[in-house]
Structure formats: C-alpha cells, structure tokens
Amino acid sequence: MLVKGNTLPKIYWLLFIPIMLLISYQNLFGTIKHYRMDELEYYGTILFYLITSFAESIIYIVFIWLVVSIVKRLAVKWGISWMNR
C-alpha cells in the first residue's frame, strides 16, 4: 500500500492525535491508579504503556485507512459517487 507517491493523507495524522490521547488516558489512568511514584520501575511501566498506546494508535489508523480505501474502491466500481452531490 505504501508505494512511491502513495502516502498517508494528513487527515489520518490529525485523527492520530485524539486516538493516541484517548488510548493513553485509558491505559495510564485505568491501570496505574494503584501505583506510587517512588520507584524507577513505575516510570518504566508508564513508558511501556505509552509505547504500546502509540503502536495501538498506529494500528487503528492503518485499519481506518484500509477500510476507507476499500469503500472508495467499491464505490468507484459500483458507480456510486457522493463527492459530486
């Protein structure tokens, strides 16, 4: 899918920010409430949650991109056009 000249549109990068924030909030404050911040291990746990949230957000964005591109291809194939209305 990512060949020369075929890049991820900017709208998906704009979607990435709120998705990343929501997933990070859910992962951090849904599971780390009971930790105290007095040991270095807990900071590593927070960093791990942030990295996995980043990866999960990228997976969601790629999945959304695939679904939208498949729907667009099917719409062109079937002659459905909602852009010219």
PDB file of N, CA and C in Angstrom:
ATOM      1  N   MET A   1       0.810  -1.190   0.000  1.00  0.00           N
ATOM      2  CA  MET A   1       0.000   0.000   0.000  1.00  0.00           C
ATOM      3  C   MET A   1       0.857   1.260   0.000  1.00  0.00           C
ATOM      4  N   LEU A   2       1.953   1.256   0.721  1.00  0.00           N
ATOM      5  CA  LEU A   2       2.792   2.435   0.754  1.00  0.00           C
ATOM      6  C   LEU A   2       3.867   2.319  -0.310  1.00  0.00           C
ATOM      7  N   VAL A   3       3.517   2.676  -1.507  1.00  0.00           N
ATOM      8  CA  VAL A   3       4.468   2.704  -2.604  1.00  0.00           C
ATOM      9  C   VAL A   3       4.790   4.157  -2.916  1.00  0.00           C
ATOM     10  N   LYS A   4       5.705   4.379  -3.825  1.00  0.00           N
ATOM     11  CA  LYS A   4       6.122   5.730  -4.149  1.00  0.00           C
ATOM     12  C   LYS A   4       4.926   6.561  -4.619  1.00  0.00           C
ATOM     13  N   GLY A   5       4.728   7.695  -3.980  1.00  0.00           N
ATOM     14  CA  GLY A   5       3.624   8.569  -4.337  1.00  0.00           C
ATOM     15  C   GLY A   5       2.333   8.265  -3.609  1.00  0.00           C
ATOM     16  N   ASN A   6       2.260   7.199  -2.852  1.00  0.00           N
ATOM     17  CA  ASN A   6       1.052   6.835  -2.113  1.00  0.00           C
ATOM     18  C   ASN A   6       1.353   6.961  -0.627  1.00  0.00           C
ATOM     19  N   THR A   7       1.030   8.107  -0.051  1.00  0.00           N
ATOM     20  CA  THR A   7       1.312   8.343   1.357  1.00  0.00           C
ATOM     21  C   THR A   7       0.015   8.465   2.138  1.00  0.00           C
ATOM     22  N   LEU A   8       0.151   8.439   3.426  1.00  0.00           N
ATOM     23  CA  LEU A   8      -0.998   8.571   4.314  1.00  0.00           C
ATOM     24  C   LEU A   8      -1.482  10.021   4.292  1.00  0.00           C
ATOM     25  N   PRO A   9      -2.752  10.263   3.962  1.00  0.00           N
ATOM     26  CA  PRO A   9      -3.264  11.642   3.924  1.00  0.00           C
ATOM     27  C   PRO A   9      -3.176  12.326   5.293  1.00  0.00           C
ATOM     28  N   LYS A  10      -3.141  13.642   5.270  1.00  0.00           N
ATOM     29  CA  LYS A  10      -2.971  14.420   6.501  1.00  0.00           C
ATOM     30  C   LYS A  10      -4.125  14.247   7.478  1.00  0.00           C
ATOM     31  N   ILE A  11      -5.317  13.963   6.980  1.00  0.00           N
ATOM     32  CA  ILE A  11      -6.461  13.804   7.873  1.00  0.00           C
ATOM     33  C   ILE A  11      -6.251  12.640   8.850  1.00  0.00           C
ATOM     34  N   TYR A  12      -5.548  11.613   8.401  1.00  0.00           N
ATOM     35  CA  TYR A  12      -5.293  10.470   9.278  1.00  0.00           C
ATOM     36  C   TYR A  12      -4.281  10.830  10.360  1.00  0.00           C
ATOM     37  N   TRP A  13      -3.341  11.712  10.044  1.00  0.00           N
ATOM     38  CA  TRP A  13      -2.412  12.170  11.073  1.00  0.00           C
ATOM     39  C   TRP A  13      -3.142  13.036  12.093  1.00  0.00           C
ATOM     40  N   LEU A  14      -4.145  13.782  11.641  1.00  0.00           N
ATOM     41  CA  LEU A  14      -4.942  14.564  12.580  1.00  0.00           C
ATOM     42  C   LEU A  14      -5.822  13.667  13.445  1.00  0.00           C
ATOM     43  N   LEU A  15      -6.264  12.548  12.906  1.00  0.00           N
ATOM     44  CA  LEU A  15      -7.026  11.573  13.703  1.00  0.00           C
ATOM     45  C   LEU A  15      -6.134  10.853  14.711  1.00  0.00           C
ATOM     46  N   PHE A  16      -4.856  10.744  14.389  1.00  0.00           N
ATOM     47  CA  PHE A  16      -3.926  10.017  15.250  1.00  0.00           C
ATOM     48  C   PHE A  16      -3.828  10.659  16.632  1.00  0.00           C
ATOM     49  N   ILE A  17      -3.829  11.980  16.690  1.00  0.00           N
ATOM     50  CA  ILE A  17      -3.630  12.678  17.960  1.00  0.00           C
ATOM     51  C   ILE A  17      -4.743  12.369  18.966  1.00  0.00           C
ATOM     52  N   PRO A  18      -6.036  12.538  18.622  1.00  0.00           N
ATOM     53  CA  PRO A  18      -7.051  12.210  19.631  1.00  0.00           C
ATOM     54  C   PRO A  18      -7.116  10.716  19.959  1.00  0.00           C
ATOM     55  N   ILE A  19      -6.865   9.865  18.966  1.00  0.00           N
ATOM     56  CA  ILE A  19      -6.870   8.426  19.244  1.00  0.00           C
ATOM     57  C   ILE A  19      -5.748   8.083  20.208  1.00  0.00           C
ATOM     58  N   MET A  20      -4.566   8.649  19.985  1.00  0.00           N
ATOM     59  CA  MET A  20      -3.428   8.402  20.881  1.00  0.00           C
ATOM     60  C   MET A  20      -3.727   8.920  22.285  1.00  0.00           C
ATOM     61  N   LEU A  21      -4.317  10.088  22.388  1.00  0.00           N
ATOM     62  CA  LEU A  21      -4.633  10.639  23.707  1.00  0.00           C
ATOM     63  C   LEU A  21      -5.662   9.791  24.444  1.00  0.00           C
ATOM     64  N   LEU A  22      -6.695   9.346  23.742  1.00  0.00           N
ATOM     65  CA  LEU A  22      -7.722   8.520  24.394  1.00  0.00           C
ATOM     66  C   LEU A  22      -7.176   7.164  24.836  1.00  0.00           C
ATOM     67  N   ILE A  23      -6.389   6.547  23.985  1.00  0.00           N
ATOM     68  CA  ILE A  23      -5.837   5.243  24.346  1.00  0.00           C
ATOM     69  C   ILE A  23      -4.839   5.378  25.493  1.00  0.00           C
ATOM     70  N   SER A  24      -4.007   6.420  25.448  1.00  0.00           N
ATOM     71  CA  SER A  24      -3.042   6.643  26.530  1.00  0.00           C
ATOM     72  C   SER A  24      -3.754   6.913  27.849  1.00  0.00           C
ATOM     73  N   TYR A  25      -4.797   7.728  27.799  1.00  0.00           N
ATOM     74  CA  TYR A  25      -5.556   8.016  29.010  1.00  0.00           C
ATOM     75  C   TYR A  25      -6.157   6.736  29.589  1.00  0.00           C
ATOM     76  N   GLN A  26      -6.733   5.928  28.711  1.00  0.00           N
ATOM     77  CA  GLN A  26      -7.342   4.682  29.167  1.00  0.00           C
ATOM     78  C   GLN A  26      -6.295   3.741  29.765  1.00  0.00           C
ATOM     79  N   ASN A  27      -5.161   3.612  29.094  1.00  0.00           N
ATOM     80  CA  ASN A  27      -4.122   2.700  29.583  1.00  0.00           C
ATOM     81  C   ASN A  27      -3.474   3.208  30.866  1.00  0.00           C
ATOM     82  N   LEU A  28      -3.193   4.489  30.923  1.00  0.00           N
ATOM     83  CA  LEU A  28      -2.485   5.009  32.092  1.00  0.00           C
ATOM     84  C   LEU A  28      -3.373   5.128  33.318  1.00  0.00           C
ATOM     85  N   PHE A  29      -4.519   5.769  33.158  1.00  0.00           N
ATOM     86  CA  PHE A  29      -5.341   6.030  34.334  1.00  0.00           C
ATOM     87  C   PHE A  29      -6.315   4.904  34.643  1.00  0.00           C
ATOM     88  N   GLY A  30      -6.451   3.966  33.732  1.00  0.00           N
ATOM     89  CA  GLY A  30      -7.299   2.824  34.012  1.00  0.00           C
ATOM     90  C   GLY A  30      -6.563   1.709  34.732  1.00  0.00           C
ATOM     91  N   THR A  31      -5.237   1.684  34.623  1.00  0.00           N
ATOM     92  CA  THR A  31      -4.483   0.575  35.206  1.00  0.00           C
ATOM     93  C   THR A  31      -3.417   1.019  36.204  1.00  0.00           C
ATOM     94  N   ILE A  32      -3.027   2.262  36.217  1.00  0.00           N
ATOM     95  CA  ILE A  32      -1.899   2.690  37.062  1.00  0.00           C
ATOM     96  C   ILE A  32      -2.377   3.446  38.298  1.00  0.00           C
ATOM     97  N   LYS A  33      -3.637   3.437  38.597  1.00  0.00           N
ATOM     98  CA  LYS A  33      -4.149   4.187  39.740  1.00  0.00           C
ATOM     99  C   LYS A  33      -3.507   3.755  41.055  1.00  0.00           C
ATOM    100  N   HIS A  34      -3.222   2.496  41.176  1.00  0.00           N
ATOM    101  CA  HIS A  34      -2.749   1.982  42.459  1.00  0.00           C
ATOM    102  C   HIS A  34      -1.236   2.069  42.633  1.00  0.00           C
ATOM    103  N   TYR A  35      -0.504   2.593  41.638  1.00  0.00           N
ATOM    104  CA  TYR A  35       0.955   2.707  41.752  1.00  0.00           C
ATOM    105  C   TYR A  35       1.332   3.992  42.469  1.00  0.00           C
ATOM    106  N   ARG A  36       2.394   3.901  43.239  1.00  0.00           N
ATOM    107  CA  ARG A  36       3.007   5.095  43.815  1.00  0.00           C
ATOM    108  C   ARG A  36       4.237   5.405  42.986  1.00  0.00           C
ATOM    109  N   MET A  37       4.564   6.656  42.850  1.00  0.00           N
ATOM    110  CA  MET A  37       5.682   7.053  42.005  1.00  0.00           C
ATOM    111  C   MET A  37       6.967   7.210  42.810  1.00  0.00           C
ATOM    112  N   ASP A  38       7.338   6.191  43.553  1.00  0.00           N
ATOM    113  CA  ASP A  38       8.548   6.301  44.352  1.00  0.00           C
ATOM    114  C   ASP A  38       9.647   5.345  43.881  1.00  0.00           C
ATOM    115  N   GLU A  39       9.376   4.548  42.885  1.00  0.00           N
ATOM    116  CA  GLU A  39      10.392   3.643  42.373  1.00  0.00           C
ATOM    117  C   GLU A  39      10.541   3.845  40.867  1.00  0.00           C
ATOM    118  N   LEU A  40      11.735   3.601  40.376  1.00  0.00           N
ATOM    119  CA  LEU A  40      12.041   3.789  38.968  1.00  0.00           C
ATOM    120  C   LEU A  40      11.269   2.804  38.095  1.00  0.00           C
ATOM    121  N   GLU A  41      10.917   1.657  38.643  1.00  0.00           N
ATOM    122  CA  GLU A  41      10.183   0.642  37.893  1.00  0.00           C
ATOM    123  C   GLU A  41       8.831   1.166  37.397  1.00  0.00           C
ATOM    124  N   TYR A  42       8.192   2.008  38.178  1.00  0.00           N
ATOM    125  CA  TYR A  42       6.888   2.523  37.799  1.00  0.00           C
ATOM    126  C   TYR A  42       6.988   3.487  36.620  1.00  0.00           C
ATOM    127  N   TYR A  43       8.080   4.238  36.546  1.00  0.00           N
ATOM    128  CA  TYR A  43       8.293   5.105  35.386  1.00  0.00           C
ATOM    129  C   TYR A  43       8.510   4.269  34.130  1.00  0.00           C
ATOM    130  N   GLY A  44       9.157   3.142  34.263  1.00  0.00           N
ATOM    131  CA  GLY A  44       9.303   2.220  33.140  1.00  0.00           C
ATOM    132  C   GLY A  44       7.962   1.650  32.711  1.00  0.00           C
ATOM    133  N   THR A  45       7.096   1.389  33.674  1.00  0.00           N
ATOM    134  CA  THR A  45       5.755   0.904  33.366  1.00  0.00           C
ATOM    135  C   THR A  45       4.962   1.956  32.597  1.00  0.00           C
ATOM    136  N   ILE A  46       5.063   3.200  33.027  1.00  0.00           N
ATOM    137  CA  ILE A  46       4.374   4.276  32.318  1.00  0.00           C
ATOM    138  C   ILE A  46       4.914   4.415  30.903  1.00  0.00           C
ATOM    139  N   LEU A  47       6.224   4.352  30.737  1.00  0.00           N
ATOM    140  CA  LEU A  47       6.825   4.431  29.407  1.00  0.00           C
ATOM    141  C   LEU A  47       6.373   3.269  28.532  1.00  0.00           C
ATOM    142  N   PHE A  48       6.292   2.078  29.106  1.00  0.00           N
ATOM    143  CA  PHE A  48       5.810   0.915  28.364  1.00  0.00           C
ATOM    144  C   PHE A  48       4.368   1.124  27.893  1.00  0.00           C
ATOM    145  N   TYR A  49       3.505   1.646  28.774  1.00  0.00           N
ATOM    146  CA  TYR A  49       2.121   1.909  28.392  1.00  0.00           C
ATOM    147  C   TYR A  49       2.027   2.959  27.290  1.00  0.00           C
ATOM    148  N   LEU A  50       2.876   3.974  27.344  1.00  0.00           N
ATOM    149  CA  LEU A  50       2.863   4.996  26.298  1.00  0.00           C
ATOM    150  C   LEU A  50       3.331   4.437  24.962  1.00  0.00           C
ATOM    151  N   ILE A  51       4.336   3.594  24.968  1.00  0.00           N
ATOM    152  CA  ILE A  51       4.830   2.992  23.721  1.00  0.00           C
ATOM    153  C   ILE A  51       3.778   2.057  23.129  1.00  0.00           C
ATOM    154  N   THR A  52       3.151   1.245  23.967  1.00  0.00           N
ATOM    155  CA  THR A  52       2.114   0.349  23.443  1.00  0.00           C
ATOM    156  C   THR A  52       0.892   1.136  22.974  1.00  0.00           C
ATOM    157  N   SER A  53       0.582   2.255  23.625  1.00  0.00           N
ATOM    158  CA  SER A  53      -0.519   3.109  23.168  1.00  0.00           C
ATOM    159  C   SER A  53      -0.208   3.702  21.802  1.00  0.00           C
ATOM    160  N   PHE A  54       1.033   4.107  21.592  1.00  0.00           N
ATOM    161  CA  PHE A  54       1.454   4.639  20.296  1.00  0.00           C
ATOM    162  C   PHE A  54       1.296   3.584  19.209  1.00  0.00           C
ATOM    163  N   ALA A  55       1.760   2.371  19.481  1.00  0.00           N
ATOM    164  CA  ALA A  55       1.650   1.287  18.495  1.00  0.00           C
ATOM    165  C   ALA A  55       0.184   0.937  18.224  1.00  0.00           C
ATOM    166  N   GLU A  56      -0.621   0.898  19.255  1.00  0.00           N
ATOM    167  CA  GLU A  56      -2.041   0.587  19.090  1.00  0.00           C
ATOM    168  C   GLU A  56      -2.750   1.672  18.275  1.00  0.00           C
ATOM    169  N   SER A  57      -2.385   2.922  18.490  1.00  0.00           N
ATOM    170  CA  SER A  57      -2.967   4.021  17.721  1.00  0.00           C
ATOM    171  C   SER A  57      -2.606   3.920  16.253  1.00  0.00           C
ATOM    172  N   ILE A  58      -1.372   3.562  15.959  1.00  0.00           N
ATOM    173  CA  ILE A  58      -0.957   3.389  14.566  1.00  0.00           C
ATOM    174  C   ILE A  58      -1.743   2.257  13.910  1.00  0.00           C
ATOM    175  N   ILE A  59      -1.953   1.183  14.637  1.00  0.00           N
ATOM    176  CA  ILE A  59      -2.728   0.063  14.097  1.00  0.00           C
ATOM    177  C   ILE A  59      -4.159   0.504  13.797  1.00  0.00           C
ATOM    178  N   TYR A  60      -4.773   1.289  14.695  1.00  0.00           N
ATOM    179  CA  TYR A  60      -6.130   1.793  14.446  1.00  0.00           C
ATOM    180  C   TYR A  60      -6.175   2.689  13.216  1.00  0.00           C
ATOM    181  N   ILE A  61      -5.203   3.575  13.068  1.00  0.00           N
ATOM    182  CA  ILE A  61      -5.182   4.489  11.925  1.00  0.00           C
ATOM    183  C   ILE A  61      -5.018   3.715  10.621  1.00  0.00           C
ATOM    184  N   VAL A  62      -4.137   2.736  10.593  1.00  0.00           N
ATOM    185  CA  VAL A  62      -3.952   1.937   9.381  1.00  0.00           C
ATOM    186  C   VAL A  62      -5.216   1.151   9.060  1.00  0.00           C
ATOM    187  N   PHE A  63      -5.886   0.630  10.070  1.00  0.00           N
ATOM    188  CA  PHE A  63      -7.134  -0.093   9.851  1.00  0.00           C
ATOM    189  C   PHE A  63      -8.216   0.835   9.287  1.00  0.00           C
ATOM    190  N   ILE A  64      -8.338   2.041   9.847  1.00  0.00           N
ATOM    191  CA  ILE A  64      -9.310   3.005   9.330  1.00  0.00           C
ATOM    192  C   ILE A  64      -8.975   3.365   7.890  1.00  0.00           C
ATOM    193  N   TRP A  65      -7.694   3.560   7.596  1.00  0.00           N
ATOM    194  CA  TRP A  65      -7.262   3.892   6.248  1.00  0.00           C
ATOM    195  C   TRP A  65      -7.616   2.775   5.261  1.00  0.00           C
ATOM    196  N   LEU A  66      -7.393   1.527   5.672  1.00  0.00           N
ATOM    197  CA  LEU A  66      -7.741   0.399   4.807  1.00  0.00           C
ATOM    198  C   LEU A  66      -9.241   0.332   4.533  1.00  0.00           C
ATOM    199  N   VAL A  67     -10.042   0.509   5.559  1.00  0.00           N
ATOM    200  CA  VAL A  67     -11.496   0.446   5.391  1.00  0.00           C
ATOM    201  C   VAL A  67     -11.973   1.561   4.462  1.00  0.00           C
ATOM    202  N   VAL A  68     -11.473   2.765   4.654  1.00  0.00           N
ATOM    203  CA  VAL A  68     -11.887   3.886   3.800  1.00  0.00           C
ATOM    204  C   VAL A  68     -11.447   3.662   2.357  1.00  0.00           C
ATOM    205  N   SER A  69     -10.238   3.160   2.146  1.00  0.00           N
ATOM    206  CA  SER A  69      -9.774   2.940   0.776  1.00  0.00           C
ATOM    207  C   SER A  69     -10.560   1.818   0.094  1.00  0.00           C
ATOM    208  N   ILE A  70     -10.943   0.784   0.833  1.00  0.00           N
ATOM    209  CA  ILE A  70     -11.750  -0.296   0.254  1.00  0.00           C
ATOM    210  C   ILE A  70     -13.146   0.218  -0.098  1.00  0.00           C
ATOM    211  N   VAL A  71     -13.734   1.027   0.775  1.00  0.00           N
ATOM    212  CA  VAL A  71     -15.057   1.587   0.492  1.00  0.00           C
ATOM    213  C   VAL A  71     -14.997   2.502  -0.727  1.00  0.00           C
ATOM    214  N   LYS A  72     -13.938   3.289  -0.850  1.00  0.00           N
ATOM    215  CA  LYS A  72     -13.797   4.165  -2.020  1.00  0.00           C
ATOM    216  C   LYS A  72     -13.665   3.343  -3.299  1.00  0.00           C
ATOM    217  N   ARG A  73     -12.864   2.288  -3.266  1.00  0.00           N
ATOM    218  CA  ARG A  73     -12.714   1.434  -4.456  1.00  0.00           C
ATOM    219  C   ARG A  73     -14.029   0.781  -4.846  1.00  0.00           C
ATOM    220  N   LEU A  74     -14.765   0.285  -3.863  1.00  0.00           N
ATOM    221  CA  LEU A  74     -16.059  -0.327  -4.156  1.00  0.00           C
ATOM    222  C   LEU A  74     -17.054   0.697  -4.694  1.00  0.00           C
ATOM    223  N   ALA A  75     -17.010   1.910  -4.173  1.00  0.00           N
ATOM    224  CA  ALA A  75     -17.907   2.955  -4.658  1.00  0.00           C
ATOM    225  C   ALA A  75     -17.599   3.300  -6.111  1.00  0.00           C
ATOM    226  N   VAL A  76     -16.328   3.363  -6.451  1.00  0.00           N
ATOM    227  CA  VAL A  76     -15.958   3.645  -7.840  1.00  0.00           C
ATOM    228  C   VAL A  76     -16.364   2.483  -8.737  1.00  0.00           C
ATOM    229  N   LYS A  77     -16.172   1.272  -8.256  1.00  0.00           N
ATOM    230  CA  LYS A  77     -16.519   0.087  -9.045  1.00  0.00           C
ATOM    231  C   LYS A  77     -18.023   0.010  -9.302  1.00  0.00           C
ATOM    232  N   TRP A  78     -18.825   0.357  -8.314  1.00  0.00           N
ATOM    233  CA  TRP A  78     -20.275   0.287  -8.447  1.00  0.00           C
ATOM    234  C   TRP A  78     -20.877   1.562  -9.025  1.00  0.00           C
ATOM    235  N   GLY A  79     -20.070   2.572  -9.239  1.00  0.00           N
ATOM    236  CA  GLY A  79     -20.557   3.815  -9.813  1.00  0.00           C
ATOM    237  C   GLY A  79     -21.244   4.730  -8.836  1.00  0.00           C
ATOM    238  N   ILE A  80     -20.978   4.555  -7.563  1.00  0.00           N
ATOM    239  CA  ILE A  80     -21.581   5.405  -6.539  1.00  0.00           C
ATOM    240  C   ILE A  80     -20.649   6.594  -6.310  1.00  0.00           C
ATOM    241  N   SER A  81     -21.194   7.784  -6.395  1.00  0.00           N
ATOM    242  CA  SER A  81     -20.375   8.974  -6.194  1.00  0.00           C
ATOM    243  C   SER A  81     -21.086   9.915  -5.239  1.00  0.00           C
ATOM    244  N   TRP A  82     -20.534  10.124  -4.059  1.00  0.00           N
ATOM    245  CA  TRP A  82     -21.106  11.057  -3.115  1.00  0.00           C
ATOM    246  C   TRP A  82     -20.300  12.352  -3.125  1.00  0.00           C
ATOM    247  N   MET A  83     -19.255  12.424  -3.926  1.00  0.00           N
ATOM    248  CA  MET A  83     -18.422  13.623  -3.969  1.00  0.00           C
ATOM    249  C   MET A  83     -19.034  14.724  -4.826  1.00  0.00           C
ATOM    250  N   ASN A  84     -19.796  14.383  -5.849  1.00  0.00           N
ATOM    251  CA  ASN A  84     -20.321  15.368  -6.788  1.00  0.00           C
ATOM    252  C   ASN A  84     -21.725  15.857  -6.438  1.00  0.00           C
ATOM    253  N   ARG A  85     -22.230  15.512  -5.298  1.00  0.00           N
ATOM    254  CA  ARG A  85     -23.591  15.907  -4.929  1.00  0.00           C
ATOM    255  C   ARG A  85     -23.623  17.271  -4.329  1.00  0.00           C
TER     256      ARG A  85
END
